[in-house]
Amino acid sequence: MSKINLKEKLSLFSEHWSPKVISELNDYQIKLVKIKGDFVWHNHSETDELFLVIDGEMKIEFKDKTVELNKGEMYVVPKGVEHRPYAENECEIMLIEPKDVVNTGEKENDLTASNDVWI
């Protein structure tokens, strides 16, 4: 294992809403993703989901509130909680979640990304 430079890894792709795996920790994957615009309402019934903002600003909308995250801030969405992330401008984030988690939860649509894509 060698050190990982997050900015270097982020420079390797430009598409939005398509998480890229950069490392694994036990049964979890560390992923980088660029987001912009609206995502879909979804949940992950079997796992929590960690969002860590590397650069930019994003929001996570819930049925009863909206959480705003800025550079250097993180939030853990509890398992089973329906949410919708979005960002007005491009935002770079890190996700930590178990292997094989589908980004759109149980809903498959045009934003469902291929899983286990490494950079």
N, C-alpha and C. Protein backbone atom coordinates (compact mmCIF):
# COMPACT_ATOMS: atom_id res chain seq x y z
N MET A 1 0.85 -1.18 0.00
CA MET A 1 0.00 0.00 0.00
C MET A 1 0.89 1.24 0.00
N SER A 2 0.54 2.19 -0.79
CA SER A 2 1.28 3.45 -0.80
C SER A 2 0.32 4.59 -0.48
N LYS A 3 0.88 5.74 -0.20
CA LYS A 3 0.03 6.87 0.15
C LYS A 3 -0.83 7.28 -1.04
N ILE A 4 -1.95 7.90 -0.73
CA ILE A 4 -2.91 8.31 -1.75
C ILE A 4 -3.08 9.82 -1.68
N ASN A 5 -2.91 10.48 -2.81
CA ASN A 5 -3.10 11.92 -2.90
C ASN A 5 -4.51 12.16 -3.44
N LEU A 6 -5.38 12.72 -2.63
CA LEU A 6 -6.78 12.88 -3.01
C LEU A 6 -6.95 13.79 -4.22
N LYS A 7 -6.24 14.91 -4.26
CA LYS A 7 -6.35 15.82 -5.40
C LYS A 7 -5.88 15.16 -6.69
N GLU A 8 -4.83 14.38 -6.60
CA GLU A 8 -4.34 13.66 -7.77
C GLU A 8 -5.39 12.67 -8.28
N LYS A 9 -5.98 11.93 -7.37
CA LYS A 9 -7.02 10.97 -7.76
C LYS A 9 -8.24 11.69 -8.34
N LEU A 10 -8.63 12.81 -7.75
CA LEU A 10 -9.77 13.57 -8.26
C LEU A 10 -9.53 14.13 -9.65
N SER A 11 -8.27 14.36 -9.99
CA SER A 11 -7.95 14.90 -11.32
C SER A 11 -8.09 13.85 -12.42
N LEU A 12 -8.26 12.59 -12.05
CA LEU A 12 -8.31 11.51 -13.02
C LEU A 12 -9.69 11.28 -13.65
N PHE A 13 -10.72 11.98 -13.14
CA PHE A 13 -12.05 11.83 -13.72
C PHE A 13 -12.81 13.14 -13.63
N SER A 14 -13.84 13.28 -14.46
CA SER A 14 -14.61 14.53 -14.49
C SER A 14 -16.11 14.32 -14.36
N GLU A 15 -16.60 13.09 -14.56
CA GLU A 15 -18.03 12.86 -14.52
C GLU A 15 -18.59 13.03 -13.10
N HIS A 16 -19.86 13.38 -13.05
CA HIS A 16 -20.55 13.59 -11.77
C HIS A 16 -21.36 12.36 -11.38
N TRP A 17 -21.52 12.17 -10.08
CA TRP A 17 -22.35 11.11 -9.51
C TRP A 17 -21.86 9.71 -9.88
N SER A 18 -20.54 9.56 -10.05
CA SER A 18 -19.97 8.26 -10.42
C SER A 18 -18.79 7.96 -9.49
N PRO A 19 -19.07 7.39 -8.31
CA PRO A 19 -18.03 7.14 -7.31
C PRO A 19 -16.90 6.25 -7.82
N LYS A 20 -15.67 6.61 -7.42
CA LYS A 20 -14.48 5.85 -7.77
C LYS A 20 -13.81 5.36 -6.49
N VAL A 21 -13.49 4.09 -6.44
CA VAL A 21 -12.85 3.49 -5.27
C VAL A 21 -11.36 3.83 -5.27
N ILE A 22 -10.86 4.29 -4.11
CA ILE A 22 -9.42 4.57 -4.00
C ILE A 22 -8.72 3.67 -2.98
N SER A 23 -9.52 3.01 -2.12
CA SER A 23 -8.91 2.13 -1.12
C SER A 23 -9.99 1.30 -0.46
N GLU A 24 -9.55 0.28 0.28
CA GLU A 24 -10.47 -0.53 1.07
C GLU A 24 -9.97 -0.61 2.50
N LEU A 25 -10.92 -0.70 3.41
CA LEU A 25 -10.64 -0.80 4.83
C LEU A 25 -11.58 -1.86 5.38
N ASN A 26 -11.03 -3.02 5.69
CA ASN A 26 -11.86 -4.16 6.08
C ASN A 26 -12.90 -4.42 5.01
N ASP A 27 -14.18 -4.37 5.34
CA ASP A 27 -15.23 -4.61 4.35
C ASP A 27 -15.79 -3.32 3.78
N TYR A 28 -15.08 -2.22 3.97
CA TYR A 28 -15.53 -0.91 3.50
C TYR A 28 -14.67 -0.42 2.34
N GLN A 29 -15.29 0.40 1.50
CA GLN A 29 -14.55 1.05 0.43
C GLN A 29 -14.53 2.56 0.67
N ILE A 30 -13.39 3.15 0.35
CA ILE A 30 -13.22 4.60 0.40
C ILE A 30 -13.37 5.06 -1.04
N LYS A 31 -14.32 5.96 -1.29
CA LYS A 31 -14.63 6.38 -2.65
C LYS A 31 -14.55 7.90 -2.78
N LEU A 32 -14.16 8.35 -3.95
CA LEU A 32 -14.20 9.77 -4.29
C LEU A 32 -15.28 9.95 -5.35
N VAL A 33 -15.98 11.09 -5.27
CA VAL A 33 -17.02 11.38 -6.25
C VAL A 33 -17.14 12.88 -6.41
N LYS A 34 -17.42 13.30 -7.62
CA LYS A 34 -17.72 14.70 -7.90
C LYS A 34 -19.22 14.79 -8.10
N ILE A 35 -19.84 15.76 -7.47
CA ILE A 35 -21.28 15.91 -7.60
C ILE A 35 -21.62 17.31 -8.09
N LYS A 36 -22.72 17.41 -8.80
CA LYS A 36 -23.22 18.70 -9.25
C LYS A 36 -24.67 18.50 -9.67
N GLY A 37 -25.54 19.40 -9.23
CA GLY A 37 -26.96 19.28 -9.53
C GLY A 37 -27.65 18.38 -8.52
N ASP A 38 -28.82 17.90 -8.92
CA ASP A 38 -29.65 17.08 -8.03
C ASP A 38 -29.38 15.60 -8.23
N PHE A 39 -29.42 14.87 -7.13
CA PHE A 39 -29.39 13.42 -7.18
C PHE A 39 -30.81 12.92 -6.97
N VAL A 40 -31.00 11.64 -6.77
CA VAL A 40 -32.32 11.07 -6.57
C VAL A 40 -32.57 10.81 -5.09
N TRP A 41 -33.83 10.85 -4.69
CA TRP A 41 -34.20 10.43 -3.35
C TRP A 41 -33.93 8.93 -3.25
N HIS A 42 -33.25 8.52 -2.18
CA HIS A 42 -32.95 7.12 -1.99
C HIS A 42 -32.58 6.85 -0.55
N ASN A 43 -32.41 5.58 -0.21
CA ASN A 43 -31.89 5.21 1.11
C ASN A 43 -31.06 3.94 0.95
N HIS A 44 -30.32 3.64 1.97
CA HIS A 44 -29.53 2.42 2.03
C HIS A 44 -30.03 1.65 3.26
N SER A 45 -30.85 0.65 3.04
CA SER A 45 -31.53 -0.03 4.15
C SER A 45 -30.59 -0.83 5.05
N GLU A 46 -29.41 -1.17 4.54
CA GLU A 46 -28.50 -2.03 5.31
C GLU A 46 -27.28 -1.32 5.89
N THR A 47 -27.08 -0.02 5.57
CA THR A 47 -25.84 0.62 6.01
C THR A 47 -25.97 2.13 6.16
N ASP A 48 -25.17 2.68 7.05
CA ASP A 48 -25.00 4.13 7.14
C ASP A 48 -24.16 4.57 5.95
N GLU A 49 -24.16 5.89 5.69
CA GLU A 49 -23.35 6.42 4.58
C GLU A 49 -22.66 7.70 5.06
N LEU A 50 -21.32 7.74 4.93
CA LEU A 50 -20.54 8.90 5.35
C LEU A 50 -20.21 9.78 4.15
N PHE A 51 -20.50 11.07 4.27
CA PHE A 51 -20.15 12.09 3.28
C PHE A 51 -19.12 13.01 3.91
N LEU A 52 -17.96 13.19 3.28
CA LEU A 52 -16.91 14.10 3.73
C LEU A 52 -16.59 15.04 2.57
N VAL A 53 -16.80 16.34 2.77
CA VAL A 53 -16.56 17.31 1.70
C VAL A 53 -15.07 17.65 1.65
N ILE A 54 -14.47 17.38 0.51
CA ILE A 54 -13.05 17.69 0.29
C ILE A 54 -12.92 19.12 -0.23
N ASP A 55 -13.80 19.49 -1.17
CA ASP A 55 -13.78 20.84 -1.72
C ASP A 55 -15.18 21.19 -2.22
N GLY A 56 -15.61 22.40 -1.95
CA GLY A 56 -16.92 22.86 -2.40
C GLY A 56 -17.95 22.83 -1.29
N GLU A 57 -19.20 22.89 -1.71
CA GLU A 57 -20.33 22.88 -0.78
C GLU A 57 -21.40 21.97 -1.33
N MET A 58 -22.10 21.29 -0.44
CA MET A 58 -23.20 20.43 -0.83
C MET A 58 -24.28 20.48 0.22
N LYS A 59 -25.43 19.94 -0.12
CA LYS A 59 -26.53 19.83 0.83
C LYS A 59 -27.06 18.41 0.75
N ILE A 60 -27.56 17.93 1.89
CA ILE A 60 -28.26 16.66 1.93
C ILE A 60 -29.66 16.97 2.44
N GLU A 61 -30.62 16.71 1.58
CA GLU A 61 -32.01 16.99 1.91
C GLU A 61 -32.65 15.75 2.52
N PHE A 62 -33.39 15.96 3.60
CA PHE A 62 -34.17 14.91 4.24
C PHE A 62 -35.63 15.35 4.21
N LYS A 63 -36.53 14.49 4.57
CA LYS A 63 -37.95 14.84 4.55
C LYS A 63 -38.28 16.00 5.49
N ASP A 64 -37.51 16.13 6.58
CA ASP A 64 -37.84 17.14 7.59
C ASP A 64 -36.78 18.22 7.78
N LYS A 65 -35.65 18.14 7.06
CA LYS A 65 -34.59 19.15 7.22
C LYS A 65 -33.60 19.04 6.07
N THR A 66 -32.72 20.02 5.99
CA THR A 66 -31.62 20.01 5.02
C THR A 66 -30.33 20.31 5.77
N VAL A 67 -29.30 19.51 5.52
CA VAL A 67 -28.00 19.69 6.14
C VAL A 67 -27.05 20.25 5.09
N GLU A 68 -26.40 21.38 5.40
CA GLU A 68 -25.43 21.98 4.49
C GLU A 68 -24.03 21.60 4.95
N LEU A 69 -23.22 21.13 4.01
CA LEU A 69 -21.84 20.75 4.32
C LEU A 69 -20.88 21.58 3.49
N ASN A 70 -19.84 22.07 4.14
CA ASN A 70 -18.79 22.85 3.50
C ASN A 70 -17.48 22.09 3.56
N LYS A 71 -16.48 22.60 2.86
CA LYS A 71 -15.15 21.99 2.83
C LYS A 71 -14.70 21.64 4.25
N GLY A 72 -14.26 20.38 4.42
CA GLY A 72 -13.76 19.93 5.70
C GLY A 72 -14.83 19.43 6.66
N GLU A 73 -16.09 19.41 6.23
CA GLU A 73 -17.17 18.94 7.09
C GLU A 73 -17.68 17.59 6.61
N MET A 74 -18.26 16.83 7.55
CA MET A 74 -18.79 15.52 7.20
C MET A 74 -20.11 15.28 7.89
N TYR A 75 -20.84 14.30 7.36
CA TYR A 75 -22.13 13.93 7.92
C TYR A 75 -22.35 12.44 7.65
N VAL A 76 -22.93 11.75 8.63
CA VAL A 76 -23.27 10.35 8.46
C VAL A 76 -24.79 10.22 8.38
N VAL A 77 -25.26 9.71 7.25
CA VAL A 77 -26.69 9.45 7.07
C VAL A 77 -26.96 8.06 7.62
N PRO A 78 -27.85 7.96 8.62
CA PRO A 78 -28.15 6.64 9.19
C PRO A 78 -28.83 5.71 8.19
N LYS A 79 -28.59 4.42 8.36
CA LYS A 79 -29.19 3.44 7.46
C LYS A 79 -30.71 3.58 7.46
N GLY A 80 -31.28 3.38 6.27
CA GLY A 80 -32.73 3.42 6.13
C GLY A 80 -33.35 4.79 6.01
N VAL A 81 -32.56 5.86 6.19
CA VAL A 81 -33.09 7.22 6.13
C VAL A 81 -33.06 7.72 4.70
N GLU A 82 -34.23 8.11 4.18
CA GLU A 82 -34.31 8.62 2.82
C GLU A 82 -33.66 10.00 2.75
N HIS A 83 -32.85 10.20 1.72
CA HIS A 83 -32.12 11.45 1.58
C HIS A 83 -31.85 11.74 0.11
N ARG A 84 -31.48 12.99 -0.16
CA ARG A 84 -31.15 13.41 -1.52
C ARG A 84 -30.02 14.42 -1.46
N PRO A 85 -28.81 14.01 -1.86
CA PRO A 85 -27.70 14.97 -1.91
C PRO A 85 -27.79 15.83 -3.18
N TYR A 86 -27.30 17.05 -3.07
CA TYR A 86 -27.21 17.92 -4.24
C TYR A 86 -26.19 19.01 -4.01
N ALA A 87 -25.74 19.60 -5.11
CA ALA A 87 -24.76 20.69 -5.04
C ALA A 87 -25.03 21.64 -6.20
N GLU A 88 -25.11 22.92 -5.90
CA GLU A 88 -25.33 23.91 -6.96
C GLU A 88 -24.13 23.99 -7.89
N ASN A 89 -22.93 23.95 -7.32
CA ASN A 89 -21.68 23.95 -8.09
C ASN A 89 -20.96 22.65 -7.82
N GLU A 90 -19.99 22.33 -8.65
CA GLU A 90 -19.28 21.07 -8.44
C GLU A 90 -18.69 20.99 -7.04
N CYS A 91 -18.85 19.83 -6.45
CA CYS A 91 -18.35 19.56 -5.10
C CYS A 91 -17.64 18.22 -5.13
N GLU A 92 -16.49 18.15 -4.48
CA GLU A 92 -15.71 16.92 -4.42
C GLU A 92 -15.87 16.31 -3.04
N ILE A 93 -16.29 15.06 -3.00
CA ILE A 93 -16.54 14.43 -1.70
C ILE A 93 -15.92 13.04 -1.63
N MET A 94 -15.77 12.58 -0.39
CA MET A 94 -15.33 11.23 -0.10
C MET A 94 -16.51 10.50 0.54
N LEU A 95 -16.72 9.27 0.12
CA LEU A 95 -17.74 8.40 0.70
C LEU A 95 -17.04 7.22 1.35
N ILE A 96 -17.54 6.79 2.49
CA ILE A 96 -17.06 5.57 3.11
C ILE A 96 -18.28 4.70 3.34
N GLU A 97 -18.28 3.53 2.70
CA GLU A 97 -19.44 2.65 2.78
C GLU A 97 -19.00 1.22 2.48
N PRO A 98 -19.82 0.24 2.88
CA PRO A 98 -19.45 -1.15 2.63
C PRO A 98 -19.32 -1.45 1.14
N LYS A 99 -18.52 -2.45 0.83
CA LYS A 99 -18.38 -2.90 -0.56
C LYS A 99 -19.76 -3.24 -1.11
N ASP A 100 -19.92 -3.05 -2.40
CA ASP A 100 -21.14 -3.42 -3.13
C ASP A 100 -22.35 -2.55 -2.86
N VAL A 101 -22.18 -1.42 -2.17
CA VAL A 101 -23.31 -0.51 -1.98
C VAL A 101 -23.59 0.20 -3.30
N VAL A 102 -24.85 0.20 -3.71
CA VAL A 102 -25.26 0.87 -4.93
C VAL A 102 -25.58 2.32 -4.59
N ASN A 103 -25.06 3.26 -5.38
CA ASN A 103 -25.18 4.68 -5.04
C ASN A 103 -26.62 5.18 -4.97
N THR A 104 -27.53 4.55 -5.69
CA THR A 104 -28.94 4.98 -5.68
C THR A 104 -29.80 4.10 -4.77
N GLY A 105 -29.18 3.33 -3.90
CA GLY A 105 -29.92 2.47 -2.99
C GLY A 105 -30.65 1.37 -3.75
N GLU A 106 -31.92 1.15 -3.40
CA GLU A 106 -32.70 0.11 -4.06
C GLU A 106 -33.31 0.57 -5.38
N LYS A 107 -33.16 1.85 -5.70
CA LYS A 107 -33.74 2.40 -6.93
C LYS A 107 -32.69 2.41 -8.04
N GLU A 108 -33.01 1.79 -9.16
CA GLU A 108 -32.09 1.81 -10.29
C GLU A 108 -32.62 2.79 -11.33
N ASN A 109 -31.75 3.71 -11.76
CA ASN A 109 -32.14 4.70 -12.77
C ASN A 109 -30.90 5.18 -13.52
N ASP A 110 -31.02 6.26 -14.26
CA ASP A 110 -29.90 6.73 -15.10
C ASP A 110 -28.73 7.26 -14.27
N LEU A 111 -28.91 7.49 -12.97
CA LEU A 111 -27.80 7.93 -12.12
C LEU A 111 -27.15 6.77 -11.35
N THR A 112 -27.66 5.57 -11.54
CA THR A 112 -27.04 4.41 -10.90
C THR A 112 -25.67 4.17 -11.54
N ALA A 113 -24.63 4.23 -10.71
CA ALA A 113 -23.26 4.11 -11.21
C ALA A 113 -22.78 2.67 -11.14
N SER A 114 -21.84 2.35 -12.01
CA SER A 114 -21.18 1.05 -11.93
C SER A 114 -20.47 0.95 -10.58
N ASN A 115 -20.48 -0.24 -10.02
CA ASN A 115 -19.90 -0.44 -8.71
C ASN A 115 -18.47 -0.96 -8.82
N ASP A 116 -17.68 -0.70 -7.80
CA ASP A 116 -16.31 -1.24 -7.70
C ASP A 116 -15.40 -0.75 -8.83
N VAL A 117 -15.53 0.53 -9.21
CA VAL A 117 -14.66 1.13 -10.22
C VAL A 117 -13.49 1.80 -9.50
N TRP A 118 -12.30 1.31 -9.73
CA TRP A 118 -11.09 1.80 -9.06
C TRP A 118 -10.35 2.83 -9.91
N ILE A 119 -9.76 3.81 -9.23
CA ILE A 119 -8.84 4.72 -9.91
C ILE A 119 -7.53 4.74 -9.15
